């Protein structure tokens, strides 16, 4: 599959979560965020609406729940929240 050129971008809340993890877990979580960005058309496990009415997908990967939306115009996957489950 061709690289579509999307990049992951984390919100301040998501960054704070990543920074709180041990270094090995930080790399794992950032790699998972990049994995989501490599497949921007993949549909999450479920979808909710944020305060602006934007659809936010949530996807469970390796014990972490990622909430994100895709900005196709700028080729960015915006990770809004990460939770360990």
Protein backbone atom coordinates (compact mmCIF):
# COMPACT_ATOMS: atom_id res chain seq x y z
CA UNK A 1 0.00 0.00 0.00
CA UNK A 2 1.31 3.44 -0.91
CA UNK A 3 2.21 5.96 1.76
CA UNK A 4 -0.51 8.62 1.69
CA UNK A 5 1.68 11.15 3.50
CA UNK A 6 -0.50 11.68 6.57
CA UNK A 7 1.13 12.58 9.89
CA UNK A 8 -0.10 12.16 13.44
CA UNK A 9 -0.48 15.25 15.61
CA UNK A 10 -1.21 15.00 19.32
CA UNK A 11 -3.24 17.46 21.38
CA UNK A 12 -1.70 18.89 24.55
CA UNK A 13 -3.78 16.42 26.57
CA UNK A 14 -2.48 13.49 24.52
CA UNK A 15 1.10 14.75 24.82
CA UNK A 16 0.73 15.03 28.62
CA UNK A 17 -0.43 11.41 28.71
CA UNK A 18 2.52 10.22 26.61
CA UNK A 19 5.05 12.14 28.71
CA UNK A 20 3.69 10.50 31.87
CA UNK A 21 4.62 7.04 30.54
CA UNK A 22 7.95 5.22 30.86
CA UNK A 23 10.19 5.81 27.83
CA UNK A 24 9.52 2.36 26.29
CA UNK A 25 5.75 2.91 26.50
CA UNK A 26 6.14 6.42 25.07
CA UNK A 27 7.71 4.98 21.94
CA UNK A 28 5.00 2.32 21.71
CA UNK A 29 2.18 4.87 21.95
CA UNK A 30 3.78 7.24 19.44
CA UNK A 31 4.31 4.33 17.03
CA UNK A 32 0.62 3.42 17.41
CA UNK A 33 -0.39 7.03 16.65
CA UNK A 34 1.78 6.91 13.52
CA UNK A 35 0.16 3.59 12.59
CA UNK A 36 -3.25 5.28 12.69
CA UNK A 37 -1.90 8.08 10.48
CA UNK A 38 -0.65 5.56 7.90
CA UNK A 39 -4.28 4.37 7.50
CA UNK A 40 -6.35 7.58 7.65
CA UNK A 41 -9.42 6.06 6.01
CA UNK A 42 -9.71 3.26 8.57
CA UNK A 43 -12.88 3.54 10.66
CA UNK A 44 -12.45 3.34 14.44
CA UNK A 45 -14.25 1.01 16.84
CA UNK A 46 -16.86 3.69 17.51
CA UNK A 47 -17.54 7.32 16.75
CA UNK A 48 -18.74 10.28 18.83
CA UNK A 49 -19.24 13.98 18.17
CA UNK A 50 -17.08 16.63 19.81
CA UNK A 51 -18.33 20.01 21.04
CA UNK A 52 -18.14 21.46 17.51
CA UNK A 53 -20.11 18.57 15.99
CA UNK A 54 -17.04 16.97 14.41
CA UNK A 55 -16.96 13.18 14.18
CA UNK A 56 -14.25 11.74 16.44
CA UNK A 57 -13.25 8.11 15.99
CA UNK A 58 -12.05 5.98 18.89
CA UNK A 59 -9.83 2.97 18.32
CA UNK A 60 -8.50 0.44 20.82
CA UNK A 61 -4.92 -0.60 20.04
CA UNK A 62 -2.70 -2.70 22.32
CA UNK A 63 -4.40 -1.56 25.53
CA UNK A 64 -4.69 2.13 24.61
CA UNK A 65 -7.83 3.91 23.44
CA UNK A 66 -7.04 6.61 20.87
CA UNK A 67 -9.59 9.31 20.05
CA UNK A 68 -8.85 11.13 16.80
CA UNK A 69 -10.20 12.91 13.78
CA UNK A 70 -8.68 13.19 10.33
CA UNK A 71 -8.00 16.48 8.58
CA UNK A 72 -7.75 15.31 4.99
CA UNK A 73 -7.02 18.80 3.64
CA UNK A 74 -3.78 19.03 5.65
CA UNK A 75 -3.12 15.25 5.67
CA UNK A 76 -3.09 15.09 9.47
CA UNK A 77 -4.56 12.70 11.98
CA UNK A 78 -5.40 14.75 15.08
CA UNK A 79 -5.15 12.58 18.20
CA UNK A 80 -7.27 14.35 20.82
CA UNK A 81 -7.05 11.86 23.69
CA UNK A 82 -5.26 8.67 24.69
CA UNK A 83 -6.42 6.50 27.57
CA UNK A 84 -4.86 3.30 28.95
CA UNK A 85 -7.54 0.61 29.27
